[in-house]
PDB file of all heavy atoms in Angstrom:
ATOM      1  N   ARG A   1      -5.016   8.204  16.230  1.00  0.00           N
ATOM      2  CA  ARG A   1      -4.164   7.553  17.224  1.00  0.00           C
ATOM      3  C   ARG A   1      -2.752   8.133  17.165  1.00  0.00           C
ATOM      4  O   ARG A   1      -2.209   8.366  16.084  1.00  0.00           O
ATOM      5  CB  ARG A   1      -4.103   6.046  16.956  1.00  0.00           C
ATOM      6  CG  ARG A   1      -3.131   5.314  17.868  1.00  0.00           C
ATOM      7  CD  ARG A   1      -3.147   3.825  17.615  1.00  0.00           C
ATOM      8  NE  ARG A   1      -2.096   3.138  18.349  1.00  0.00           N
ATOM      9  CZ  ARG A   1      -1.930   1.828  18.361  1.00  0.00           C
ATOM     10  NH1 ARG A   1      -2.753   1.059  17.668  1.00  0.00           N
ATOM     11  NH2 ARG A   1      -0.943   1.271  19.041  1.00  0.00           N
ATOM     12  N   TYR A   2      -2.174   8.374  18.325  1.00  0.00           N
ATOM     13  CA  TYR A   2      -0.793   8.843  18.401  1.00  0.00           C
ATOM     14  C   TYR A   2       0.137   7.638  18.474  1.00  0.00           C
ATOM     15  O   TYR A   2       0.010   6.796  19.366  1.00  0.00           O
ATOM     16  CB  TYR A   2      -0.589   9.733  19.632  1.00  0.00           C
ATOM     17  CG  TYR A   2       0.842  10.164  19.826  1.00  0.00           C
ATOM     18  CD1 TYR A   2       1.448  11.054  18.933  1.00  0.00           C
ATOM     19  CD2 TYR A   2       1.599   9.684  20.887  1.00  0.00           C
ATOM     20  CE1 TYR A   2       2.755  11.440  19.091  1.00  0.00           C
ATOM     21  CE2 TYR A   2       2.915  10.086  21.058  1.00  0.00           C
ATOM     22  CZ  TYR A   2       3.489  10.962  20.155  1.00  0.00           C
ATOM     23  OH  TYR A   2       4.792  11.348  20.327  1.00  0.00           O
ATOM     24  N   VAL A   3       1.061   7.541  17.534  1.00  0.00           N
ATOM     25  CA  VAL A   3       2.020   6.445  17.495  1.00  0.00           C
ATOM     26  C   VAL A   3       3.352   6.976  17.998  1.00  0.00           C
ATOM     27  O   VAL A   3       3.967   7.849  17.386  1.00  0.00           O
ATOM     28  CB  VAL A   3       2.162   5.875  16.069  1.00  0.00           C
ATOM     29  CG1 VAL A   3       3.155   4.723  16.047  1.00  0.00           C
ATOM     30  CG2 VAL A   3       0.799   5.404  15.552  1.00  0.00           C
ATOM     31  N   ARG A   4       3.798   6.445  19.107  1.00  0.00           N
ATOM     32  CA  ARG A   4       5.009   6.974  19.755  1.00  0.00           C
ATOM     33  C   ARG A   4       6.277   6.687  18.955  1.00  0.00           C
ATOM     34  O   ARG A   4       7.197   7.503  18.894  1.00  0.00           O
ATOM     35  CB  ARG A   4       5.151   6.367  21.161  1.00  0.00           C
ATOM     36  CG  ARG A   4       4.081   6.830  22.137  1.00  0.00           C
ATOM     37  CD  ARG A   4       4.308   6.213  23.521  1.00  0.00           C
ATOM     38  NE  ARG A   4       3.283   6.627  24.454  1.00  0.00           N
ATOM     39  CZ  ARG A   4       3.322   7.758  25.157  1.00  0.00           C
ATOM     40  NH1 ARG A   4       4.350   8.568  25.019  1.00  0.00           N
ATOM     41  NH2 ARG A   4       2.345   8.061  25.970  1.00  0.00           N
ATOM     42  N   SER A   5       6.353   5.506  18.371  1.00  0.00           N
ATOM     43  CA  SER A   5       7.570   5.115  17.645  1.00  0.00           C
ATOM     44  C   SER A   5       7.172   4.591  16.270  1.00  0.00           C
ATOM     45  O   SER A   5       7.074   3.383  16.054  1.00  0.00           O
ATOM     46  CB  SER A   5       8.338   4.051  18.438  1.00  0.00           C
ATOM     47  OG  SER A   5       9.573   3.754  17.820  1.00  0.00           O
ATOM     48  N   PRO A   6       6.925   5.481  15.312  1.00  0.00           N
ATOM     49  CA  PRO A   6       6.380   5.060  14.028  1.00  0.00           C
ATOM     50  C   PRO A   6       7.428   4.605  13.013  1.00  0.00           C
ATOM     51  O   PRO A   6       8.584   5.042  13.043  1.00  0.00           O
ATOM     52  CB  PRO A   6       5.671   6.322  13.533  1.00  0.00           C
ATOM     53  CG  PRO A   6       6.448   7.440  14.137  1.00  0.00           C
ATOM     54  CD  PRO A   6       6.965   6.940  15.460  1.00  0.00           C
ATOM     55  N   ARG A   7       6.980   3.718  12.151  1.00  0.00           N
ATOM     56  CA  ARG A   7       7.712   3.383  10.938  1.00  0.00           C
ATOM     57  C   ARG A   7       6.860   3.839   9.754  1.00  0.00           C
ATOM     58  O   ARG A   7       5.648   3.918   9.844  1.00  0.00           O
ATOM     59  CB  ARG A   7       7.973   1.874  10.845  1.00  0.00           C
ATOM     60  CG  ARG A   7       8.965   1.368  11.851  1.00  0.00           C
ATOM     61  CD  ARG A   7       9.081  -0.150  11.814  1.00  0.00           C
ATOM     62  NE  ARG A   7       9.579  -0.639  10.524  1.00  0.00           N
ATOM     63  CZ  ARG A   7       9.838  -1.922  10.266  1.00  0.00           C
ATOM     64  NH1 ARG A   7       9.627  -2.839  11.207  1.00  0.00           N
ATOM     65  NH2 ARG A   7      10.294  -2.301   9.096  1.00  0.00           N
ATOM     66  N   HIS A   8       7.520   4.119   8.659  1.00  0.00           N
ATOM     67  CA  HIS A   8       6.827   4.546   7.446  1.00  0.00           C
ATOM     68  C   HIS A   8       6.946   3.414   6.429  1.00  0.00           C
ATOM     69  O   HIS A   8       8.015   3.165   5.876  1.00  0.00           O
ATOM     70  CB  HIS A   8       7.461   5.825   6.906  1.00  0.00           C
ATOM     71  CG  HIS A   8       6.759   6.394   5.712  1.00  0.00           C
ATOM     72  ND1 HIS A   8       7.120   7.585   5.141  1.00  0.00           N
ATOM     73  CD2 HIS A   8       5.720   5.944   4.985  1.00  0.00           C
ATOM     74  CE1 HIS A   8       6.333   7.846   4.111  1.00  0.00           C
ATOM     75  NE2 HIS A   8       5.479   6.841   3.988  1.00  0.00           N
ATOM     76  N   VAL A   9       5.828   2.715   6.208  1.00  0.00           N
ATOM     77  CA  VAL A   9       5.801   1.588   5.282  1.00  0.00           C
ATOM     78  C   VAL A   9       4.775   1.874   4.197  1.00  0.00           C
ATOM     79  O   VAL A   9       3.655   2.301   4.494  1.00  0.00           O
ATOM     80  CB  VAL A   9       5.455   0.275   6.011  1.00  0.00           C
ATOM     81  CG1 VAL A   9       5.359  -0.886   5.038  1.00  0.00           C
ATOM     82  CG2 VAL A   9       6.511  -0.024   7.085  1.00  0.00           C
ATOM     83  N   GLU A  10       5.150   1.655   2.950  1.00  0.00           N
ATOM     84  CA  GLU A  10       4.243   1.929   1.839  1.00  0.00           C
ATOM     85  C   GLU A  10       4.158   0.712   0.922  1.00  0.00           C
ATOM     86  O   GLU A  10       5.091  -0.092   0.839  1.00  0.00           O
ATOM     87  CB  GLU A  10       4.692   3.155   1.057  1.00  0.00           C
ATOM     88  CG  GLU A  10       6.077   3.029   0.440  1.00  0.00           C
ATOM     89  CD  GLU A  10       6.582   4.324  -0.146  1.00  0.00           C
ATOM     90  OE1 GLU A  10       6.212   5.387   0.365  1.00  0.00           O
ATOM     91  OE2 GLU A  10       7.376   4.267  -1.114  1.00  0.00           O
ATOM     92  N   VAL A  11       3.016   0.593   0.235  1.00  0.00           N
ATOM     93  CA  VAL A  11       2.763  -0.550  -0.633  1.00  0.00           C
ATOM     94  C   VAL A  11       2.555  -0.066  -2.058  1.00  0.00           C
ATOM     95  O   VAL A  11       1.756   0.841  -2.306  1.00  0.00           O
ATOM     96  CB  VAL A  11       1.526  -1.341  -0.160  1.00  0.00           C
ATOM     97  CG1 VAL A  11       1.253  -2.525  -1.098  1.00  0.00           C
ATOM     98  CG2 VAL A  11       1.714  -1.835   1.273  1.00  0.00           C
ATOM     99  N   GLN A  12       3.273  -0.688  -2.989  1.00  0.00           N
ATOM    100  CA  GLN A  12       3.096  -0.381  -4.408  1.00  0.00           C
ATOM    101  C   GLN A  12       1.904  -1.158  -4.951  1.00  0.00           C
ATOM    102  O   GLN A  12       1.853  -2.385  -4.842  1.00  0.00           O
ATOM    103  CB  GLN A  12       4.349  -0.770  -5.194  1.00  0.00           C
ATOM    104  CG  GLN A  12       4.273  -0.498  -6.685  1.00  0.00           C
ATOM    105  CD  GLN A  12       4.299   0.981  -6.976  1.00  0.00           C
ATOM    106  OE1 GLN A  12       5.286   1.652  -6.714  1.00  0.00           O
ATOM    107  NE2 GLN A  12       3.210   1.507  -7.528  1.00  0.00           N
ATOM    108  N   VAL A  13       0.937  -0.460  -5.515  1.00  0.00           N
ATOM    109  CA  VAL A  13      -0.224  -1.123  -6.106  1.00  0.00           C
ATOM    110  C   VAL A  13      -0.360  -0.729  -7.575  1.00  0.00           C
ATOM    111  O   VAL A  13       0.157   0.307  -8.005  1.00  0.00           O
ATOM    112  CB  VAL A  13      -1.535  -0.780  -5.360  1.00  0.00           C
ATOM    113  CG1 VAL A  13      -1.488  -1.283  -3.936  1.00  0.00           C
ATOM    114  CG2 VAL A  13      -1.815   0.720  -5.402  1.00  0.00           C
ATOM    115  N   PHE A  14      -1.061  -1.586  -8.324  1.00  0.00           N
ATOM    116  CA  PHE A  14      -1.387  -1.317  -9.720  1.00  0.00           C
ATOM    117  C   PHE A  14      -2.800  -1.797  -9.979  1.00  0.00           C
ATOM    118  O   PHE A  14      -3.205  -2.849  -9.486  1.00  0.00           O
ATOM    119  CB  PHE A  14      -0.422  -2.046 -10.659  1.00  0.00           C
ATOM    120  CG  PHE A  14       0.562  -1.138 -11.333  1.00  0.00           C
ATOM    121  CD1 PHE A  14       1.800  -0.902 -10.770  1.00  0.00           C
ATOM    122  CD2 PHE A  14       0.249  -0.518 -12.532  1.00  0.00           C
ATOM    123  CE1 PHE A  14       2.718  -0.070 -11.382  1.00  0.00           C
ATOM    124  CE2 PHE A  14       1.157   0.322 -13.154  1.00  0.00           C
ATOM    125  CZ  PHE A  14       2.394   0.553 -12.582  1.00  0.00           C
ATOM    126  N   ALA A  15      -3.552  -1.025 -10.746  1.00  0.00           N
ATOM    127  CA  ALA A  15      -4.918  -1.417 -11.090  1.00  0.00           C
ATOM    128  C   ALA A  15      -5.181  -1.080 -12.552  1.00  0.00           C
ATOM    129  O   ALA A  15      -4.619  -0.117 -13.092  1.00  0.00           O
ATOM    130  CB  ALA A  15      -5.921  -0.690 -10.195  1.00  0.00           C
ATOM    131  N   ASP A  16      -6.022  -1.901 -13.203  1.00  0.00           N
ATOM    132  CA  ASP A  16      -6.343  -1.643 -14.605  1.00  0.00           C
ATOM    133  C   ASP A  16      -7.788  -1.172 -14.769  1.00  0.00           C
ATOM    134  O   ASP A  16      -8.499  -0.937 -13.777  1.00  0.00           O
ATOM    135  CB  ASP A  16      -6.047  -2.879 -15.463  1.00  0.00           C
ATOM    136  CG  ASP A  16      -6.889  -4.092 -15.059  1.00  0.00           C
ATOM    137  OD1 ASP A  16      -7.952  -3.911 -14.428  1.00  0.00           O
ATOM    138  OD2 ASP A  16      -6.486  -5.230 -15.380  1.00  0.00           O
ATOM    139  N   HIS A  17      -8.224  -1.044 -16.012  1.00  0.00           N
ATOM    140  CA  HIS A  17      -9.564  -0.536 -16.306  1.00  0.00           C
ATOM    141  C   HIS A  17     -10.656  -1.595 -16.128  1.00  0.00           C
ATOM    142  O   HIS A  17     -11.836  -1.286 -16.300  1.00  0.00           O
ATOM    143  CB  HIS A  17      -9.618  -0.027 -17.752  1.00  0.00           C
ATOM    144  CG  HIS A  17      -8.761   1.179 -18.013  1.00  0.00           C
ATOM    145  ND1 HIS A  17      -9.189   2.465 -17.796  1.00  0.00           N
ATOM    146  CD2 HIS A  17      -7.486   1.281 -18.463  1.00  0.00           C
ATOM    147  CE1 HIS A  17      -8.220   3.317 -18.118  1.00  0.00           C
ATOM    148  NE2 HIS A  17      -7.178   2.628 -18.529  1.00  0.00           N
ATOM    149  N   TYR A  18     -10.267  -2.813 -15.776  1.00  0.00           N
ATOM    150  CA  TYR A  18     -11.222  -3.914 -15.756  1.00  0.00           C
ATOM    151  C   TYR A  18     -11.499  -4.441 -14.345  1.00  0.00           C
ATOM    152  O   TYR A  18     -11.985  -5.552 -14.177  1.00  0.00           O
ATOM    153  CB  TYR A  18     -10.709  -5.036 -16.661  1.00  0.00           C
ATOM    154  CG  TYR A  18     -10.325  -4.521 -18.026  1.00  0.00           C
ATOM    155  CD1 TYR A  18      -8.986  -4.274 -18.342  1.00  0.00           C
ATOM    156  CD2 TYR A  18     -11.288  -4.203 -18.964  1.00  0.00           C
ATOM    157  CE1 TYR A  18      -8.628  -3.758 -19.583  1.00  0.00           C
ATOM    158  CE2 TYR A  18     -10.944  -3.684 -20.212  1.00  0.00           C
ATOM    159  CZ  TYR A  18      -9.609  -3.459 -20.510  1.00  0.00           C
ATOM    160  OH  TYR A  18      -9.260  -2.944 -21.732  1.00  0.00           O
ATOM    161  N   GLY A  19     -11.158  -3.632 -13.352  1.00  0.00           N
ATOM    162  CA  GLY A  19     -11.439  -4.008 -11.973  1.00  0.00           C
ATOM    163  C   GLY A  19     -10.382  -4.869 -11.326  1.00  0.00           C
ATOM    164  O   GLY A  19     -10.560  -5.329 -10.193  1.00  0.00           O
ATOM    165  N   ASN A  20      -9.261  -5.100 -12.017  1.00  0.00           N
ATOM    166  CA  ASN A  20      -8.173  -5.903 -11.446  1.00  0.00           C
ATOM    167  C   ASN A  20      -7.174  -5.004 -10.720  1.00  0.00           C
ATOM    168  O   ASN A  20      -6.858  -3.911 -11.200  1.00  0.00           O
ATOM    169  CB  ASN A  20      -7.437  -6.661 -12.550  1.00  0.00           C
ATOM    170  CG  ASN A  20      -8.363  -7.515 -13.382  1.00  0.00           C
ATOM    171  OD1 ASN A  20      -9.115  -8.336 -12.841  1.00  0.00           O
ATOM    172  ND2 ASN A  20      -8.341  -7.334 -14.702  1.00  0.00           N
ATOM    173  N   ALA A  21      -6.683  -5.464  -9.592  1.00  0.00           N
ATOM    174  CA  ALA A  21      -5.676  -4.707  -8.842  1.00  0.00           C
ATOM    175  C   ALA A  21      -4.751  -5.677  -8.127  1.00  0.00           C
ATOM    176  O   ALA A  21      -5.186  -6.739  -7.661  1.00  0.00           O
ATOM    177  CB  ALA A  21      -6.330  -3.766  -7.836  1.00  0.00           C
ATOM    178  N   VAL A  22      -3.485  -5.325  -8.056  1.00  0.00           N
ATOM    179  CA  VAL A  22      -2.482  -6.168  -7.398  1.00  0.00           C
ATOM    180  C   VAL A  22      -1.566  -5.284  -6.562  1.00  0.00           C
ATOM    181  O   VAL A  22      -1.491  -4.072  -6.750  1.00  0.00           O
ATOM    182  CB  VAL A  22      -1.628  -6.956  -8.416  1.00  0.00           C
ATOM    183  CG1 VAL A  22      -2.493  -7.932  -9.223  1.00  0.00           C
ATOM    184  CG2 VAL A  22      -0.871  -6.005  -9.354  1.00  0.00           C
ATOM    185  N   TYR A  23      -0.856  -5.915  -5.637  1.00  0.00           N
ATOM    186  CA  TYR A  23       0.193  -5.212  -4.899  1.00  0.00           C
ATOM    187  C   TYR A  23       1.531  -5.866  -5.205  1.00  0.00           C
ATOM    188  O   TYR A  23       1.618  -7.070  -5.461  1.00  0.00           O
ATOM    189  CB  TYR A  23      -0.082  -5.217  -3.391  1.00  0.00           C
ATOM    190  CG  TYR A  23      -0.140  -6.579  -2.739  1.00  0.00           C
ATOM    191  CD1 TYR A  23       1.007  -7.196  -2.243  1.00  0.00           C
ATOM    192  CD2 TYR A  23      -1.353  -7.259  -2.598  1.00  0.00           C
ATOM    193  CE1 TYR A  23       0.957  -8.437  -1.633  1.00  0.00           C
ATOM    194  CE2 TYR A  23      -1.416  -8.502  -1.995  1.00  0.00           C
ATOM    195  CZ  TYR A  23      -0.255  -9.087  -1.512  1.00  0.00           C
ATOM    196  OH  TYR A  23      -0.310 -10.326  -0.918  1.00  0.00           O
ATOM    197  N   LEU A  24       2.582  -5.054  -5.211  1.00  0.00           N
ATOM    198  CA  LEU A  24       3.936  -5.541  -5.490  1.00  0.00           C
ATOM    199  C   LEU A  24       4.795  -5.412  -4.240  1.00  0.00           C
ATOM    200  O   LEU A  24       5.890  -4.880  -4.256  1.00  0.00           O
ATOM    201  CB  LEU A  24       4.550  -4.787  -6.669  1.00  0.00           C
ATOM    202  CG  LEU A  24       3.848  -5.093  -7.998  1.00  0.00           C
ATOM    203  CD1 LEU A  24       2.906  -3.955  -8.384  1.00  0.00           C
ATOM    204  CD2 LEU A  24       4.842  -5.351  -9.112  1.00  0.00           C
ATOM    205  N   TRP A  25       4.213  -5.874  -3.141  1.00  0.00           N
ATOM    206  CA  TRP A  25       4.875  -5.888  -1.840  1.00  0.00           C
ATOM    207  C   TRP A  25       5.140  -4.482  -1.343  1.00  0.00           C
ATOM    208  O   TRP A  25       4.700  -3.497  -1.916  1.00  0.00           O
ATOM    209  CB  TRP A  25       6.111  -6.772  -1.870  1.00  0.00           C
ATOM    210  CG  TRP A  25       5.785  -8.138  -2.382  1.00  0.00           C
ATOM    211  CD1 TRP A  25       6.017  -8.631  -3.632  1.00  0.00           C
ATOM    212  CD2 TRP A  25       5.096  -9.179  -1.671  1.00  0.00           C
ATOM    213  NE1 TRP A  25       5.518  -9.908  -3.748  1.00  0.00           N
ATOM    214  CE2 TRP A  25       4.957 -10.283  -2.557  1.00  0.00           C
ATOM    215  CE3 TRP A  25       4.582  -9.298  -0.376  1.00  0.00           C
ATOM    216  CZ2 TRP A  25       4.326 -11.458  -2.197  1.00  0.00           C
ATOM    217  CZ3 TRP A  25       3.958 -10.490  -0.009  1.00  0.00           C
ATOM    218  CH2 TRP A  25       3.841 -11.548  -0.916  1.00  0.00           C
ATOM    219  N   GLU A  26       5.864  -4.394  -0.257  1.00  0.00           N
ATOM    220  CA  GLU A  26       5.961  -3.127   0.461  1.00  0.00           C
ATOM    221  C   GLU A  26       7.404  -2.639   0.533  1.00  0.00           C
ATOM    222  O   GLU A  26       8.352  -3.403   0.308  1.00  0.00           O
ATOM    223  CB  GLU A  26       5.360  -3.269   1.867  1.00  0.00           C
ATOM    224  CG  GLU A  26       6.151  -4.118   2.820  1.00  0.00           C
ATOM    225  CD  GLU A  26       6.062  -5.615   2.559  1.00  0.00           C
ATOM    226  OE1 GLU A  26       5.253  -6.054   1.730  1.00  0.00           O
ATOM    227  OE2 GLU A  26       6.829  -6.360   3.197  1.00  0.00           O
TER     228      GLU A  26
END
């Protein structure tokens, strides 16, 4: 899809060896 007026937003994530994962907002 072509986005005419884009913003660049990224999300910080963390995951461990036991299948757990979280996000620390964007």
